[in-house]
Amino acid sequence: MNDQSVVKGYAYLSYVEPLRREREDLWLRIRDELPAESRSFFDGRIFADQWYPRRHLHALMHAIEVATNNDERQFREVGNRAARYQLNTIYRVFLSFMTPALVFRRAASIWKRQSSAGIFMVVEDGDHYLVGKLVDPTLPKHMPLVIAGWSETIIAMLGRTPFPLEIETPAPGQWIFHVRWVA
């Protein structure tokens, strides 16, 4: 893990605040599994516009893994909640004018503003599918599942019915996301 990598506070808040509000029991189990430094970080005040060490994201993902007995659905749920947290009622109106490809192309630029490591891009899109690629050698192990949950929720918020997102790992530190939906 690159100790120089940082994550924007807003990303951390997107993962943790919905857990605190909606699944306090799970949050408390996750919190108990965090190393002392990360527990202190998450117990403290996180500012949305500040940058924080990525090691806390690694610690959070590992704590979720332990607290849920590696239940992959729980990681997708973290992504689902993060999408809902990020898109309050006002922004949902704008979603009605967007296509999945436009939203995911926007997500590519947002990735750069939320994490100092990695790059996300849409590499192919059609009427009912798109393919995204993430290259990030320091990505926490379960983040692709969080991204899958986020993506499926965004597709649903766009008024489409998502198929479960499929993830390929063509090489270490690279993920291909196959996003499909019906209108």
C-alpha atoms as a PDB file:
ATOM      1  CA  MET A   1       0.000   0.000   0.000  1.00  0.00           C
ATOM      2  CA  ASN A   2       1.261   3.466  -0.904  1.00  0.00           C
ATOM      3  CA  ASP A   3       1.382   5.551   2.270  1.00  0.00           C
ATOM      4  CA  GLN A   4       1.272   8.696   0.137  1.00  0.00           C
ATOM      5  CA  SER A   5      -2.187   7.926  -1.301  1.00  0.00           C
ATOM      6  CA  VAL A   6      -5.021  10.035   0.031  1.00  0.00           C
ATOM      7  CA  VAL A   7      -8.811  10.001  -0.127  1.00  0.00           C
ATOM      8  CA  LYS A   8     -11.181  12.951   0.105  1.00  0.00           C
ATOM      9  CA  GLY A   9     -13.181  13.191   3.324  1.00  0.00           C
ATOM     10  CA  TYR A  10     -16.433  13.152   1.347  1.00  0.00           C
ATOM     11  CA  ALA A  11     -15.681   9.604   0.178  1.00  0.00           C
ATOM     12  CA  TYR A  12     -15.113   8.471   3.770  1.00  0.00           C
ATOM     13  CA  LEU A  13     -18.311  10.174   4.885  1.00  0.00           C
ATOM     14  CA  SER A  14     -20.223   8.480   2.050  1.00  0.00           C
ATOM     15  CA  TYR A  15     -19.254   5.056   3.397  1.00  0.00           C
ATOM     16  CA  VAL A  16     -19.475   5.649   7.135  1.00  0.00           C
ATOM     17  CA  GLU A  17     -22.377   8.067   7.722  1.00  0.00           C
ATOM     18  CA  PRO A  18     -25.061   5.831   6.162  1.00  0.00           C
ATOM     19  CA  LEU A  19     -23.775   2.889   8.200  1.00  0.00           C
ATOM     20  CA  ARG A  20     -23.964   4.942  11.390  1.00  0.00           C
ATOM     21  CA  ARG A  21     -27.514   6.077  10.613  1.00  0.00           C
ATOM     22  CA  GLU A  22     -29.011   3.009   8.959  1.00  0.00           C
ATOM     23  CA  ARG A  23     -27.048   0.071  10.372  1.00  0.00           C
ATOM     24  CA  GLU A  24     -25.680   1.165  13.724  1.00  0.00           C
ATOM     25  CA  ASP A  25     -25.350  -2.452  14.880  1.00  0.00           C
ATOM     26  CA  LEU A  26     -23.139  -3.278  11.896  1.00  0.00           C
ATOM     27  CA  TRP A  27     -21.204  -0.025  12.250  1.00  0.00           C
ATOM     28  CA  LEU A  28     -20.379  -0.837  15.879  1.00  0.00           C
ATOM     29  CA  ARG A  29     -19.092  -4.290  14.892  1.00  0.00           C
ATOM     30  CA  ILE A  30     -17.002  -2.728  12.111  1.00  0.00           C
ATOM     31  CA  ARG A  31     -15.715  -0.034  14.463  1.00  0.00           C
ATOM     32  CA  ASP A  32     -14.614  -2.704  16.962  1.00  0.00           C
ATOM     33  CA  GLU A  33     -12.510  -4.340  14.240  1.00  0.00           C
ATOM     34  CA  LEU A  34     -10.676  -1.139  13.260  1.00  0.00           C
ATOM     35  CA  PRO A  35      -7.098  -0.613  14.423  1.00  0.00           C
ATOM     36  CA  ALA A  36      -6.832   2.081  17.106  1.00  0.00           C
ATOM     37  CA  GLU A  37      -5.539   4.786  14.734  1.00  0.00           C
ATOM     38  CA  SER A  38      -8.392   4.259  12.243  1.00  0.00           C
ATOM     39  CA  ARG A  39     -10.995   3.968  15.012  1.00  0.00           C
ATOM     40  CA  SER A  40      -9.814   7.337  16.311  1.00  0.00           C
ATOM     41  CA  PHE A  41      -9.955   8.750  12.776  1.00  0.00           C
ATOM     42  CA  PHE A  42     -13.542   7.609  12.186  1.00  0.00           C
ATOM     43  CA  ASP A  43     -14.616   8.710  15.684  1.00  0.00           C
ATOM     44  CA  GLY A  44     -13.218  12.182  14.992  1.00  0.00           C
ATOM     45  CA  ARG A  45     -14.523  14.892  12.737  1.00  0.00           C
ATOM     46  CA  ILE A  46     -14.030  14.229   9.030  1.00  0.00           C
ATOM     47  CA  PHE A  47     -14.237  17.246   6.753  1.00  0.00           C
ATOM     48  CA  ALA A  48     -15.663  16.563   3.292  1.00  0.00           C
ATOM     49  CA  ASP A  49     -13.194  18.828   1.505  1.00  0.00           C
ATOM     50  CA  GLN A  50     -10.028  17.591   3.225  1.00  0.00           C
ATOM     51  CA  TRP A  51      -7.655  14.819   2.146  1.00  0.00           C
ATOM     52  CA  TYR A  52      -6.916  11.916   4.500  1.00  0.00           C
ATOM     53  CA  PRO A  53      -4.572   8.902   4.325  1.00  0.00           C
ATOM     54  CA  ARG A  54      -5.885   6.019   2.266  1.00  0.00           C
ATOM     55  CA  ARG A  55      -4.750   3.569   4.927  1.00  0.00           C
ATOM     56  CA  HIS A  56      -8.031   4.292   6.739  1.00  0.00           C
ATOM     57  CA  LEU A  57      -9.937   3.038   3.691  1.00  0.00           C
ATOM     58  CA  HIS A  58      -7.907  -0.168   3.761  1.00  0.00           C
ATOM     59  CA  ALA A  59      -8.614  -0.510   7.482  1.00  0.00           C
ATOM     60  CA  LEU A  60     -12.335   0.118   6.930  1.00  0.00           C
ATOM     61  CA  MET A  61     -12.603  -2.496   4.175  1.00  0.00           C
ATOM     62  CA  HIS A  62     -10.730  -5.047   6.288  1.00  0.00           C
ATOM     63  CA  ALA A  63     -12.945  -4.305   9.306  1.00  0.00           C
ATOM     64  CA  ILE A  64     -16.069  -4.780   7.171  1.00  0.00           C
ATOM     65  CA  GLU A  65     -14.634  -8.078   5.943  1.00  0.00           C
ATOM     66  CA  VAL A  66     -14.089  -9.332   9.505  1.00  0.00           C
ATOM     67  CA  ALA A  67     -17.337  -7.931  10.938  1.00  0.00           C
ATOM     68  CA  THR A  68     -19.457  -9.500   8.161  1.00  0.00           C
ATOM     69  CA  ASN A  69     -17.541 -12.775   7.776  1.00  0.00           C
ATOM     70  CA  ASN A  70     -16.548 -11.633   4.269  1.00  0.00           C
ATOM     71  CA  ASP A  71     -20.177 -11.289   3.130  1.00  0.00           C
ATOM     72  CA  GLU A  72     -19.847  -9.791  -0.358  1.00  0.00           C
ATOM     73  CA  ARG A  73     -23.440  -8.491  -0.210  1.00  0.00           C
ATOM     74  CA  GLN A  74     -22.451  -6.199   2.652  1.00  0.00           C
ATOM     75  CA  PHE A  75     -19.762  -4.537   0.518  1.00  0.00           C
ATOM     76  CA  ARG A  76     -22.300  -3.970  -2.269  1.00  0.00           C
ATOM     77  CA  GLU A  77     -24.644  -2.500   0.359  1.00  0.00           C
ATOM     78  CA  VAL A  78     -21.932  -0.052   1.446  1.00  0.00           C
ATOM     79  CA  GLY A  79     -21.756   1.093  -2.184  1.00  0.00           C
ATOM     80  CA  ASN A  80     -25.540   1.238  -2.422  1.00  0.00           C
ATOM     81  CA  ARG A  81     -25.755   3.443   0.663  1.00  0.00           C
ATOM     82  CA  ALA A  82     -22.886   5.636  -0.555  1.00  0.00           C
ATOM     83  CA  ALA A  83     -24.723   6.314  -3.828  1.00  0.00           C
ATOM     84  CA  ARG A  84     -27.878   7.309  -1.983  1.00  0.00           C
ATOM     85  CA  TYR A  85     -25.858   9.474   0.429  1.00  0.00           C
ATOM     86  CA  GLN A  86     -24.102  11.233  -2.442  1.00  0.00           C
ATOM     87  CA  LEU A  87     -27.266  11.959  -4.392  1.00  0.00           C
ATOM     88  CA  ASN A  88     -29.734  13.862  -2.290  1.00  0.00           C
ATOM     89  CA  THR A  89     -33.165  14.802  -3.628  1.00  0.00           C
ATOM     90  CA  ILE A  90     -31.996  17.864  -5.564  1.00  0.00           C
ATOM     91  CA  TYR A  91     -29.401  15.953  -7.553  1.00  0.00           C
ATOM     92  CA  ARG A  92     -31.821  13.113  -8.287  1.00  0.00           C
ATOM     93  CA  VAL A  93     -33.801  15.535 -10.463  1.00  0.00           C
ATOM     94  CA  PHE A  94     -30.727  15.987 -12.671  1.00  0.00           C
ATOM     95  CA  LEU A  95     -30.413  12.218 -13.005  1.00  0.00           C
ATOM     96  CA  SER A  96     -33.705  12.135 -14.903  1.00  0.00           C
ATOM     97  CA  PHE A  97     -31.965  13.980 -17.760  1.00  0.00           C
ATOM     98  CA  MET A  98     -28.886  11.767 -17.852  1.00  0.00           C
ATOM     99  CA  THR A  99     -27.991   8.454 -19.400  1.00  0.00           C
ATOM    100  CA  PRO A 100     -25.921   5.807 -17.637  1.00  0.00           C
ATOM    101  CA  ALA A 101     -22.977   6.546 -19.941  1.00  0.00           C
ATOM    102  CA  LEU A 102     -23.047  10.255 -19.031  1.00  0.00           C
ATOM    103  CA  VAL A 103     -23.199   9.513 -15.310  1.00  0.00           C
ATOM    104  CA  PHE A 104     -20.333   7.034 -15.481  1.00  0.00           C
ATOM    105  CA  ARG A 105     -18.193   9.354 -17.604  1.00  0.00           C
ATOM    106  CA  ARG A 106     -18.761  11.947 -14.882  1.00  0.00           C
ATOM    107  CA  ALA A 107     -17.824   9.332 -12.269  1.00  0.00           C
ATOM    108  CA  ALA A 108     -14.465   9.011 -14.022  1.00  0.00           C
ATOM    109  CA  SER A 109     -13.648  12.677 -13.364  1.00  0.00           C
ATOM    110  CA  ILE A 110     -15.011  12.473  -9.819  1.00  0.00           C
ATOM    111  CA  TRP A 111     -12.674   9.538  -9.076  1.00  0.00           C
ATOM    112  CA  LYS A 112      -9.706  11.831  -9.714  1.00  0.00           C
ATOM    113  CA  ARG A 113     -11.096  14.363  -7.259  1.00  0.00           C
ATOM    114  CA  GLN A 114     -11.816  11.799  -4.546  1.00  0.00           C
ATOM    115  CA  SER A 115      -8.656   9.675  -4.631  1.00  0.00           C
ATOM    116  CA  SER A 116      -5.038  10.454  -5.423  1.00  0.00           C
ATOM    117  CA  ALA A 117      -4.483   6.914  -6.701  1.00  0.00           C
ATOM    118  CA  GLY A 118      -5.914   5.103  -9.692  1.00  0.00           C
ATOM    119  CA  ILE A 119      -7.875   6.029 -12.764  1.00  0.00           C
ATOM    120  CA  PHE A 120     -11.401   5.053 -13.820  1.00  0.00           C
ATOM    121  CA  MET A 121     -12.675   5.291 -17.381  1.00  0.00           C
ATOM    122  CA  VAL A 122     -15.610   4.174 -19.486  1.00  0.00           C
ATOM    123  CA  VAL A 123     -14.067   2.135 -22.297  1.00  0.00           C
ATOM    124  CA  GLU A 124     -17.242   1.102 -24.140  1.00  0.00           C
ATOM    125  CA  ASP A 125     -20.924   1.925 -23.989  1.00  0.00           C
ATOM    126  CA  GLY A 126     -24.125   1.034 -25.792  1.00  0.00           C
ATOM    127  CA  ASP A 127     -27.863   1.469 -25.396  1.00  0.00           C
ATOM    128  CA  HIS A 128     -28.130  -1.040 -22.540  1.00  0.00           C
ATOM    129  CA  TYR A 129     -24.613  -1.575 -21.276  1.00  0.00           C
ATOM    130  CA  LEU A 130     -21.282   0.001 -20.550  1.00  0.00           C
ATOM    131  CA  VAL A 131     -17.845  -1.252 -19.670  1.00  0.00           C
ATOM    132  CA  GLY A 132     -15.719   0.611 -17.152  1.00  0.00           C
ATOM    133  CA  LYS A 133     -12.073   0.027 -16.332  1.00  0.00           C
ATOM    134  CA  LEU A 134     -10.321   0.860 -13.090  1.00  0.00           C
ATOM    135  CA  VAL A 135      -6.561   0.750 -12.761  1.00  0.00           C
ATOM    136  CA  ASP A 136      -5.430   1.179  -9.177  1.00  0.00           C
ATOM    137  CA  PRO A 137      -2.652  -1.001  -7.743  1.00  0.00           C
ATOM    138  CA  THR A 138      -3.348   0.182  -4.179  1.00  0.00           C
ATOM    139  CA  LEU A 139      -7.112  -0.306  -4.184  1.00  0.00           C
ATOM    140  CA  PRO A 140      -8.436  -2.084  -1.081  1.00  0.00           C
ATOM    141  CA  LYS A 141      -9.386  -5.685  -1.755  1.00  0.00           C
ATOM    142  CA  HIS A 142     -13.174  -5.302  -1.565  1.00  0.00           C
ATOM    143  CA  MET A 143     -13.590  -1.863  -3.146  1.00  0.00           C
ATOM    144  CA  PRO A 144     -14.657  -3.329  -6.513  1.00  0.00           C
ATOM    145  CA  LEU A 145     -17.712  -4.775  -4.727  1.00  0.00           C
ATOM    146  CA  VAL A 146     -18.454  -1.374  -3.182  1.00  0.00           C
ATOM    147  CA  ILE A 147     -18.174   0.151  -6.661  1.00  0.00           C
ATOM    148  CA  ALA A 148     -20.553  -2.532  -7.973  1.00  0.00           C
ATOM    149  CA  GLY A 149     -23.174  -1.649  -5.350  1.00  0.00           C
ATOM    150  CA  TRP A 150     -22.779   2.058  -6.098  1.00  0.00           C
ATOM    151  CA  SER A 151     -23.127   1.426  -9.840  1.00  0.00           C
ATOM    152  CA  GLU A 152     -26.226  -0.749  -9.545  1.00  0.00           C
ATOM    153  CA  THR A 153     -27.903   1.874  -7.359  1.00  0.00           C
ATOM    154  CA  ILE A 154     -27.066   4.692  -9.770  1.00  0.00           C
ATOM    155  CA  ILE A 155     -28.533   2.678 -12.668  1.00  0.00           C
ATOM    156  CA  ALA A 156     -31.736   2.179 -10.639  1.00  0.00           C
ATOM    157  CA  MET A 157     -31.835   5.906  -9.789  1.00  0.00           C
ATOM    158  CA  LEU A 158     -31.685   6.583 -13.543  1.00  0.00           C
ATOM    159  CA  GLY A 159     -34.947   4.682 -13.891  1.00  0.00           C
ATOM    160  CA  ARG A 160     -33.411   1.560 -15.390  1.00  0.00           C
ATOM    161  CA  THR A 161     -33.396  -1.960 -14.020  1.00  0.00           C
ATOM    162  CA  PRO A 162     -29.804  -3.047 -13.400  1.00  0.00           C
ATOM    163  CA  PHE A 163     -28.480  -6.553 -13.868  1.00  0.00           C
ATOM    164  CA  PRO A 164     -25.954  -7.590 -11.218  1.00  0.00           C
ATOM    165  CA  LEU A 165     -22.685  -5.960 -12.202  1.00  0.00           C
ATOM    166  CA  GLU A 166     -19.978  -8.369 -13.306  1.00  0.00           C
ATOM    167  CA  ILE A 167     -16.346  -7.750 -12.388  1.00  0.00           C
ATOM    168  CA  GLU A 168     -13.278  -9.113 -14.174  1.00  0.00           C
ATOM    169  CA  THR A 169      -9.696  -8.830 -12.964  1.00  0.00           C
ATOM    170  CA  PRO A 170      -7.511  -9.042 -16.105  1.00  0.00           C
ATOM    171  CA  ALA A 171      -4.337  -8.223 -14.177  1.00  0.00           C
ATOM    172  CA  PRO A 172      -3.346  -7.307 -10.626  1.00  0.00           C
ATOM    173  CA  GLY A 173      -4.582  -3.810  -9.838  1.00  0.00           C
ATOM    174  CA  GLN A 174      -6.992  -3.734 -12.791  1.00  0.00           C
ATOM    175  CA  TRP A 175     -10.745  -4.308 -12.858  1.00  0.00           C
ATOM    176  CA  ILE A 176     -13.249  -4.361 -15.690  1.00  0.00           C
ATOM    177  CA  PHE A 177     -16.853  -3.597 -14.716  1.00  0.00           C
ATOM    178  CA  HIS A 178     -19.644  -4.853 -17.001  1.00  0.00           C
ATOM    179  CA  VAL A 179     -22.723  -2.760 -16.288  1.00  0.00           C
ATOM    180  CA  ARG A 180     -25.981  -3.813 -17.953  1.00  0.00           C
ATOM    181  CA  TRP A 181     -29.585  -2.701 -17.604  1.00  0.00           C
ATOM    182  CA  VAL A 182     -33.027  -2.753 -19.172  1.00  0.00           C
ATOM    183  CA  ALA A 183     -35.023   0.403 -19.801  1.00  0.00           C
END
